């Protein structure tokens, strides 16, 4: 029998500890249950990419065979070709950076213009420019 001489607080402590452990376990169980759809989606994506991984492994094997059979002239020629490709990519990166520098300020202007046009009163469905297509070549 439980008496008030010190054994009752021990029992309540055990009960409190058990309740806290049960709540913690329940919380983790809910987190796991909520994560299951994401895990299932990740597994589906992984299964879908299995063919890609196989092709990549096959490509690696083919590349190893090709490198074993390549002569030093082939390697030099490939290096030169890759250098030209790298130079072209560098030039493209510079062009993209230049375009970005040019277009970025225009983006804010275009957004402000769009908001201004949205505030203009509308009368029916008006078209800004109504031009019929002329498929014939212009006469010189």
N, C-alpha and C. Protein backbone atom coordinates (compact mmCIF):
# COMPACT_ATOMS: atom_id res chain seq x y z
N UNK A 1 0.83 -1.17 0.00
CA UNK A 1 0.00 0.00 0.00
C UNK A 1 0.88 1.24 0.00
N UNK A 2 0.41 2.26 -0.65
CA UNK A 2 1.18 3.49 -0.76
C UNK A 2 0.83 4.36 0.45
N UNK A 3 1.89 4.82 1.09
CA UNK A 3 1.69 5.71 2.24
C UNK A 3 2.28 7.06 1.92
N UNK A 4 1.99 8.03 2.77
CA UNK A 4 2.47 9.38 2.56
C UNK A 4 3.86 9.61 3.15
N UNK A 5 4.52 8.57 3.53
CA UNK A 5 5.83 8.73 4.16
C UNK A 5 6.97 8.79 3.15
N UNK A 6 6.71 9.10 1.93
CA UNK A 6 7.78 9.24 0.95
C UNK A 6 7.61 8.34 -0.25
N UNK A 7 6.80 7.33 -0.19
CA UNK A 7 6.64 6.44 -1.33
C UNK A 7 5.68 7.02 -2.37
N UNK A 8 4.73 7.82 -1.96
CA UNK A 8 3.77 8.43 -2.90
C UNK A 8 4.48 9.38 -3.87
N UNK A 9 5.39 10.26 -3.41
CA UNK A 9 6.09 11.11 -4.37
C UNK A 9 6.94 10.30 -5.34
N UNK A 10 7.48 9.17 -4.89
CA UNK A 10 8.26 8.33 -5.79
C UNK A 10 7.38 7.78 -6.91
N UNK A 11 6.19 7.33 -6.55
CA UNK A 11 5.26 6.77 -7.53
C UNK A 11 4.83 7.86 -8.52
N UNK A 12 4.53 9.06 -8.01
CA UNK A 12 4.13 10.15 -8.90
C UNK A 12 5.28 10.55 -9.83
N UNK A 13 6.49 10.49 -9.33
CA UNK A 13 7.65 10.79 -10.16
C UNK A 13 7.79 9.78 -11.29
N UNK A 14 7.56 8.49 -10.96
CA UNK A 14 7.63 7.46 -11.98
C UNK A 14 6.55 7.65 -13.04
N UNK A 15 5.35 8.01 -12.58
CA UNK A 15 4.23 8.23 -13.50
C UNK A 15 4.55 9.43 -14.39
N UNK A 16 5.05 10.52 -13.81
CA UNK A 16 5.38 11.72 -14.58
C UNK A 16 6.46 11.40 -15.62
N UNK A 17 7.47 10.65 -15.21
CA UNK A 17 8.53 10.27 -16.14
C UNK A 17 7.98 9.42 -17.27
N UNK A 18 7.08 8.50 -16.95
CA UNK A 18 6.47 7.66 -17.97
C UNK A 18 5.62 8.47 -18.94
N UNK A 19 4.88 9.44 -18.41
CA UNK A 19 4.04 10.28 -19.27
C UNK A 19 4.92 11.12 -20.20
N UNK A 20 6.00 11.71 -19.66
CA UNK A 20 6.90 12.50 -20.49
C UNK A 20 7.53 11.64 -21.59
N UNK A 21 7.94 10.43 -21.22
CA UNK A 21 8.53 9.54 -22.22
C UNK A 21 7.51 9.17 -23.29
N UNK A 22 6.26 8.93 -22.88
CA UNK A 22 5.20 8.59 -23.84
C UNK A 22 4.89 9.74 -24.77
N UNK A 23 4.86 10.97 -24.23
CA UNK A 23 4.61 12.15 -25.07
C UNK A 23 5.74 12.34 -26.06
N UNK A 24 6.98 12.19 -25.59
CA UNK A 24 8.13 12.33 -26.50
C UNK A 24 8.11 11.30 -27.60
N UNK A 25 7.79 10.06 -27.24
CA UNK A 25 7.73 8.99 -28.25
C UNK A 25 6.60 9.25 -29.23
N UNK A 26 5.47 9.74 -28.74
CA UNK A 26 4.34 10.04 -29.62
C UNK A 26 4.71 11.16 -30.59
N UNK A 27 5.40 12.19 -30.08
CA UNK A 27 5.81 13.31 -30.92
C UNK A 27 6.75 12.83 -32.02
N UNK A 28 7.72 11.98 -31.66
CA UNK A 28 8.63 11.46 -32.68
C UNK A 28 7.89 10.57 -33.68
N UNK A 29 6.90 9.83 -33.19
CA UNK A 29 6.11 8.99 -34.10
C UNK A 29 5.34 9.82 -35.11
N UNK A 30 4.78 10.92 -34.65
CA UNK A 30 4.05 11.82 -35.55
C UNK A 30 5.01 12.43 -36.57
N UNK A 31 6.20 12.84 -36.12
CA UNK A 31 7.18 13.40 -37.05
C UNK A 31 7.56 12.39 -38.13
N UNK A 32 7.74 11.14 -37.72
CA UNK A 32 8.07 10.08 -38.68
C UNK A 32 6.92 9.87 -39.64
N UNK A 33 5.69 9.85 -39.11
CA UNK A 33 4.52 9.65 -39.97
C UNK A 33 4.37 10.79 -40.98
N UNK A 34 4.65 12.01 -40.54
CA UNK A 34 4.56 13.15 -41.46
C UNK A 34 5.68 13.13 -42.49
N UNK A 35 6.80 12.54 -42.17
CA UNK A 35 7.93 12.48 -43.10
C UNK A 35 7.78 11.37 -44.13
N UNK A 36 6.91 10.41 -43.89
CA UNK A 36 6.78 9.27 -44.79
C UNK A 36 6.45 9.67 -46.24
N UNK A 37 5.53 10.60 -46.49
CA UNK A 37 5.29 10.97 -47.90
C UNK A 37 6.52 11.53 -48.59
N UNK A 38 7.31 12.35 -47.86
CA UNK A 38 8.53 12.90 -48.47
C UNK A 38 9.53 11.79 -48.75
N UNK A 39 9.63 10.84 -47.83
CA UNK A 39 10.54 9.71 -48.02
C UNK A 39 10.10 8.89 -49.23
N UNK A 40 8.79 8.64 -49.33
CA UNK A 40 8.27 7.87 -50.46
C UNK A 40 8.56 8.57 -51.78
N UNK A 41 8.39 9.90 -51.81
CA UNK A 41 8.67 10.66 -53.03
C UNK A 41 10.15 10.57 -53.38
N UNK A 42 11.01 10.69 -52.38
CA UNK A 42 12.45 10.59 -52.63
C UNK A 42 12.82 9.21 -53.15
N UNK A 43 12.21 8.17 -52.61
CA UNK A 43 12.48 6.81 -53.08
C UNK A 43 12.00 6.61 -54.51
N UNK A 44 10.84 7.20 -54.85
CA UNK A 44 10.34 7.10 -56.22
C UNK A 44 11.30 7.80 -57.19
N UNK A 45 11.78 8.98 -56.79
CA UNK A 45 12.74 9.69 -57.65
C UNK A 45 14.02 8.89 -57.81
N UNK A 46 14.47 8.27 -56.73
CA UNK A 46 15.67 7.46 -56.80
C UNK A 46 15.46 6.27 -57.72
N UNK A 47 14.27 5.64 -57.63
CA UNK A 47 13.98 4.51 -58.51
C UNK A 47 13.92 4.97 -59.96
N UNK A 48 13.36 6.17 -60.20
CA UNK A 48 13.29 6.69 -61.57
C UNK A 48 14.68 6.98 -62.12
N UNK A 49 15.61 7.34 -61.25
CA UNK A 49 16.95 7.69 -61.73
C UNK A 49 17.86 6.48 -61.81
N UNK A 50 17.39 5.30 -61.50
CA UNK A 50 18.23 4.11 -61.57
C UNK A 50 18.74 3.87 -62.98
N UNK A 51 17.89 4.09 -63.99
CA UNK A 51 18.33 3.92 -65.38
C UNK A 51 19.42 4.93 -65.74
N UNK A 52 19.25 6.17 -65.26
CA UNK A 52 20.26 7.19 -65.53
C UNK A 52 21.59 6.80 -64.88
N UNK A 53 21.52 6.27 -63.66
CA UNK A 53 22.75 5.86 -62.98
C UNK A 53 23.42 4.71 -63.72
N UNK A 54 22.63 3.77 -64.24
CA UNK A 54 23.19 2.66 -65.01
C UNK A 54 23.87 3.17 -66.28
N UNK A 55 23.21 4.10 -66.97
CA UNK A 55 23.79 4.68 -68.19
C UNK A 55 25.08 5.43 -67.87
N UNK A 56 25.09 6.13 -66.74
CA UNK A 56 26.29 6.84 -66.33
C UNK A 56 27.43 5.87 -66.05
N UNK A 57 27.13 4.77 -65.38
CA UNK A 57 28.16 3.76 -65.12
C UNK A 57 28.66 3.15 -66.42
N UNK A 58 27.74 2.87 -67.35
CA UNK A 58 28.14 2.33 -68.65
C UNK A 58 29.01 3.32 -69.41
N UNK A 59 28.66 4.60 -69.33
CA UNK A 59 29.45 5.63 -70.00
C UNK A 59 30.85 5.68 -69.41
N UNK A 60 30.95 5.56 -68.08
CA UNK A 60 32.26 5.54 -67.43
C UNK A 60 33.10 4.37 -67.93
N UNK A 61 32.47 3.20 -68.06
CA UNK A 61 33.20 2.04 -68.58
C UNK A 61 33.67 2.27 -70.01
N UNK A 62 32.79 2.83 -70.84
CA UNK A 62 33.16 3.11 -72.23
C UNK A 62 34.29 4.14 -72.28
N UNK A 63 34.23 5.13 -71.42
CA UNK A 63 35.27 6.15 -71.38
C UNK A 63 36.61 5.55 -70.98
N UNK A 64 36.62 4.64 -70.02
CA UNK A 64 37.86 3.97 -69.63
C UNK A 64 38.45 3.17 -70.80
N UNK A 65 37.59 2.43 -71.52
CA UNK A 65 38.06 1.67 -72.67
C UNK A 65 38.63 2.60 -73.74
N UNK A 66 37.94 3.71 -73.97
CA UNK A 66 38.39 4.67 -74.97
C UNK A 66 39.73 5.28 -74.58
N UNK A 67 39.89 5.62 -73.32
CA UNK A 67 41.15 6.21 -72.88
C UNK A 67 42.31 5.22 -72.97
N UNK A 68 42.03 3.95 -72.73
CA UNK A 68 43.09 2.94 -72.85
C UNK A 68 43.55 2.80 -74.30
N UNK A 69 42.62 2.98 -75.24
CA UNK A 69 42.97 2.79 -76.65
C UNK A 69 43.42 4.09 -77.32
N UNK A 70 43.37 5.23 -76.61
CA UNK A 70 43.72 6.51 -77.21
C UNK A 70 45.24 6.67 -77.30
N UNK A 71 45.67 7.29 -78.39
CA UNK A 71 47.10 7.57 -78.56
C UNK A 71 47.41 8.94 -77.96
N UNK A 72 48.68 9.25 -77.86
CA UNK A 72 49.07 10.54 -77.29
C UNK A 72 48.61 11.69 -78.19
N UNK A 73 48.59 11.47 -79.51
CA UNK A 73 48.09 12.49 -80.43
C UNK A 73 46.61 12.78 -80.18
N UNK A 74 45.82 11.72 -79.95
CA UNK A 74 44.40 11.89 -79.66
C UNK A 74 44.20 12.70 -78.38
N UNK A 75 45.03 12.43 -77.39
CA UNK A 75 44.91 13.15 -76.11
C UNK A 75 45.24 14.62 -76.29
N UNK A 76 46.28 14.92 -77.07
CA UNK A 76 46.65 16.32 -77.33
C UNK A 76 45.54 17.02 -78.09
N UNK A 77 44.99 16.34 -79.09
CA UNK A 77 43.91 16.93 -79.88
C UNK A 77 42.67 17.16 -79.00
N UNK A 78 42.35 16.21 -78.14
CA UNK A 78 41.21 16.37 -77.25
C UNK A 78 41.43 17.53 -76.28
N UNK A 79 42.66 17.67 -75.77
CA UNK A 79 42.98 18.76 -74.86
C UNK A 79 42.80 20.10 -75.56
N UNK A 80 43.27 20.21 -76.81
CA UNK A 80 43.11 21.46 -77.57
C UNK A 80 41.64 21.78 -77.80
N UNK A 81 40.89 20.77 -78.16
CA UNK A 81 39.46 20.97 -78.39
C UNK A 81 38.76 21.42 -77.11
N UNK A 82 39.07 20.76 -76.00
CA UNK A 82 38.46 21.15 -74.73
C UNK A 82 38.87 22.56 -74.31
N UNK A 83 40.09 22.97 -74.63
CA UNK A 83 40.52 24.33 -74.32
C UNK A 83 39.71 25.34 -75.11
N UNK A 84 39.47 25.04 -76.41
CA UNK A 84 38.65 25.94 -77.23
C UNK A 84 37.22 26.01 -76.68
N UNK A 85 36.68 24.87 -76.24
CA UNK A 85 35.33 24.86 -75.66
C UNK A 85 35.32 25.68 -74.37
N UNK A 86 36.34 25.52 -73.54
CA UNK A 86 36.42 26.29 -72.29
C UNK A 86 36.49 27.78 -72.57
N UNK A 87 37.26 28.16 -73.60
CA UNK A 87 37.35 29.58 -73.97
C UNK A 87 36.00 30.11 -74.44
N UNK A 88 35.30 29.30 -75.24
CA UNK A 88 33.97 29.71 -75.71
C UNK A 88 33.00 29.87 -74.54
N UNK A 89 33.06 28.95 -73.58
CA UNK A 89 32.18 29.04 -72.41
C UNK A 89 32.51 30.29 -71.60
N UNK A 90 33.79 30.61 -71.48
CA UNK A 90 34.19 31.83 -70.77
C UNK A 90 33.62 33.06 -71.46
N UNK A 91 33.71 33.10 -72.80
CA UNK A 91 33.15 34.22 -73.55
C UNK A 91 31.64 34.31 -73.36
N UNK A 92 30.97 33.16 -73.37
CA UNK A 92 29.51 33.15 -73.14
C UNK A 92 29.17 33.65 -71.75
N UNK A 93 29.96 33.25 -70.75
CA UNK A 93 29.72 33.74 -69.39
C UNK A 93 29.87 35.25 -69.32
N UNK A 94 30.87 35.79 -70.00
CA UNK A 94 31.04 37.25 -70.02
C UNK A 94 29.87 37.93 -70.71
N UNK A 95 29.38 37.33 -71.81
CA UNK A 95 28.23 37.90 -72.51
C UNK A 95 26.98 37.88 -71.63
N UNK A 96 26.79 36.78 -70.90
CA UNK A 96 25.63 36.68 -70.01
C UNK A 96 25.74 37.70 -68.89
N UNK A 97 26.93 37.87 -68.33
CA UNK A 97 27.12 38.87 -67.28
C UNK A 97 26.83 40.27 -67.81
N UNK A 98 27.27 40.54 -69.03
CA UNK A 98 27.01 41.85 -69.63
C UNK A 98 25.51 42.07 -69.85
N UNK A 99 24.84 41.05 -70.36
CA UNK A 99 23.38 41.14 -70.54
C UNK A 99 22.68 41.34 -69.21
N UNK A 100 23.13 40.63 -68.18
CA UNK A 100 22.53 40.77 -66.87
C UNK A 100 22.70 42.20 -66.35
N UNK A 101 23.88 42.76 -66.54
CA UNK A 101 24.13 44.14 -66.11
C UNK A 101 23.23 45.11 -66.86
N UNK A 102 22.98 44.83 -68.13
CA UNK A 102 22.14 45.70 -68.94
C UNK A 102 20.67 45.55 -68.60
N UNK A 103 20.22 44.32 -68.41
CA UNK A 103 18.79 44.05 -68.25
C UNK A 103 18.30 44.29 -66.82
N UNK A 104 19.14 44.07 -65.84
CA UNK A 104 18.70 44.18 -64.44
C UNK A 104 18.07 45.53 -64.12
N UNK A 105 18.67 46.66 -64.51
CA UNK A 105 18.00 47.94 -64.21
C UNK A 105 16.67 48.08 -64.95
N UNK A 106 16.55 47.46 -66.10
CA UNK A 106 15.31 47.56 -66.87
C UNK A 106 14.17 46.78 -66.23
N UNK A 107 14.50 45.78 -65.42
CA UNK A 107 13.46 44.97 -64.81
C UNK A 107 12.59 45.81 -63.89
N UNK A 108 13.22 46.63 -63.06
CA UNK A 108 12.45 47.49 -62.15
C UNK A 108 11.59 48.47 -62.93
N UNK A 109 12.13 49.03 -64.00
CA UNK A 109 11.37 49.96 -64.83
C UNK A 109 10.17 49.26 -65.46
N UNK A 110 10.37 48.06 -65.96
CA UNK A 110 9.27 47.32 -66.57
C UNK A 110 8.19 46.99 -65.55
N UNK A 111 8.59 46.65 -64.32
CA UNK A 111 7.60 46.36 -63.28
C UNK A 111 6.80 47.61 -62.92
N UNK A 112 7.48 48.76 -62.81
CA UNK A 112 6.77 50.00 -62.50
C UNK A 112 5.82 50.37 -63.63
N UNK A 113 6.27 50.19 -64.88
CA UNK A 113 5.41 50.48 -66.03
C UNK A 113 4.20 49.56 -66.03
N UNK A 114 4.40 48.29 -65.70
CA UNK A 114 3.28 47.36 -65.63
C UNK A 114 2.27 47.75 -64.57
N UNK A 115 2.75 48.19 -63.40
CA UNK A 115 1.82 48.63 -62.35
C UNK A 115 1.07 49.88 -62.79
N UNK A 116 1.76 50.79 -63.50
CA UNK A 116 1.12 52.00 -64.00
C UNK A 116 0.02 51.65 -65.00
N UNK A 117 0.32 50.75 -65.92
CA UNK A 117 -0.67 50.34 -66.93
C UNK A 117 -1.85 49.64 -66.26
N UNK A 118 -1.59 48.88 -65.21
CA UNK A 118 -2.68 48.20 -64.51
C UNK A 118 -3.64 49.20 -63.87
N UNK A 119 -3.15 50.39 -63.51
CA UNK A 119 -4.00 51.39 -62.86
C UNK A 119 -4.80 52.22 -63.87
N UNK A 120 -4.45 52.16 -65.13
CA UNK A 120 -5.18 52.94 -66.14
C UNK A 120 -6.61 52.43 -66.26
N UNK A 121 -7.56 53.35 -66.48
CA UNK A 121 -8.96 52.89 -66.64
C UNK A 121 -9.09 52.07 -67.92
N UNK A 122 -9.87 51.03 -67.83
CA UNK A 122 -10.09 50.13 -68.96
C UNK A 122 -11.44 50.44 -69.59
N UNK A 123 -11.48 50.53 -70.92
CA UNK A 123 -12.74 50.71 -71.63
C UNK A 123 -12.91 49.54 -72.56
N UNK A 124 -13.65 48.55 -72.12
CA UNK A 124 -13.86 47.37 -72.95
C UNK A 124 -12.55 46.62 -73.11
N UNK A 125 -12.47 45.82 -74.11
CA UNK A 125 -11.22 45.09 -74.35
C UNK A 125 -10.52 45.74 -75.54
N UNK A 126 -9.67 46.70 -75.24
CA UNK A 126 -8.92 47.44 -76.25
C UNK A 126 -7.61 46.76 -76.54
N UNK A 127 -7.21 46.83 -77.78
CA UNK A 127 -5.90 46.33 -78.14
C UNK A 127 -5.01 47.52 -78.42
N UNK A 128 -3.78 47.40 -78.03
CA UNK A 128 -2.86 48.49 -78.21
C UNK A 128 -2.56 48.69 -79.69
N UNK A 129 -2.31 47.62 -80.38
CA UNK A 129 -1.95 47.71 -81.79
C UNK A 129 -2.64 46.59 -82.53
N UNK A 130 -3.36 46.93 -83.56
CA UNK A 130 -4.08 45.92 -84.31
C UNK A 130 -3.57 45.95 -85.75
N UNK A 131 -2.66 45.05 -86.07
CA UNK A 131 -2.04 45.02 -87.39
C UNK A 131 -2.28 43.65 -87.99
N UNK A 132 -2.71 43.64 -89.23
CA UNK A 132 -2.89 42.36 -89.90
C UNK A 132 -1.57 41.93 -90.48
N UNK A 133 -1.32 40.64 -90.44
CA UNK A 133 -0.06 40.10 -90.94
C UNK A 133 -0.03 40.17 -92.45
N UNK A 134 1.06 40.68 -93.00
CA UNK A 134 1.24 40.73 -94.44
C UNK A 134 2.31 39.71 -94.80
N UNK A 135 1.88 38.59 -95.35
CA UNK A 135 2.81 37.52 -95.62
C UNK A 135 3.58 37.70 -96.92
N UNK A 136 3.14 38.62 -97.75
CA UNK A 136 3.83 38.88 -99.02
C UNK A 136 5.11 39.64 -98.74
N UNK A 137 6.14 39.38 -99.57
CA UNK A 137 7.39 40.08 -99.41
C UNK A 137 7.24 41.52 -99.90
N UNK A 138 7.92 42.44 -99.23
CA UNK A 138 7.77 43.85 -99.65
C UNK A 138 8.40 44.07 -101.02
N UNK A 139 7.79 44.93 -101.82
CA UNK A 139 8.29 45.24 -103.16
C UNK A 139 9.40 46.28 -103.03
N UNK A 140 10.45 46.11 -103.82
CA UNK A 140 11.57 47.06 -103.74
C UNK A 140 11.53 48.04 -104.86
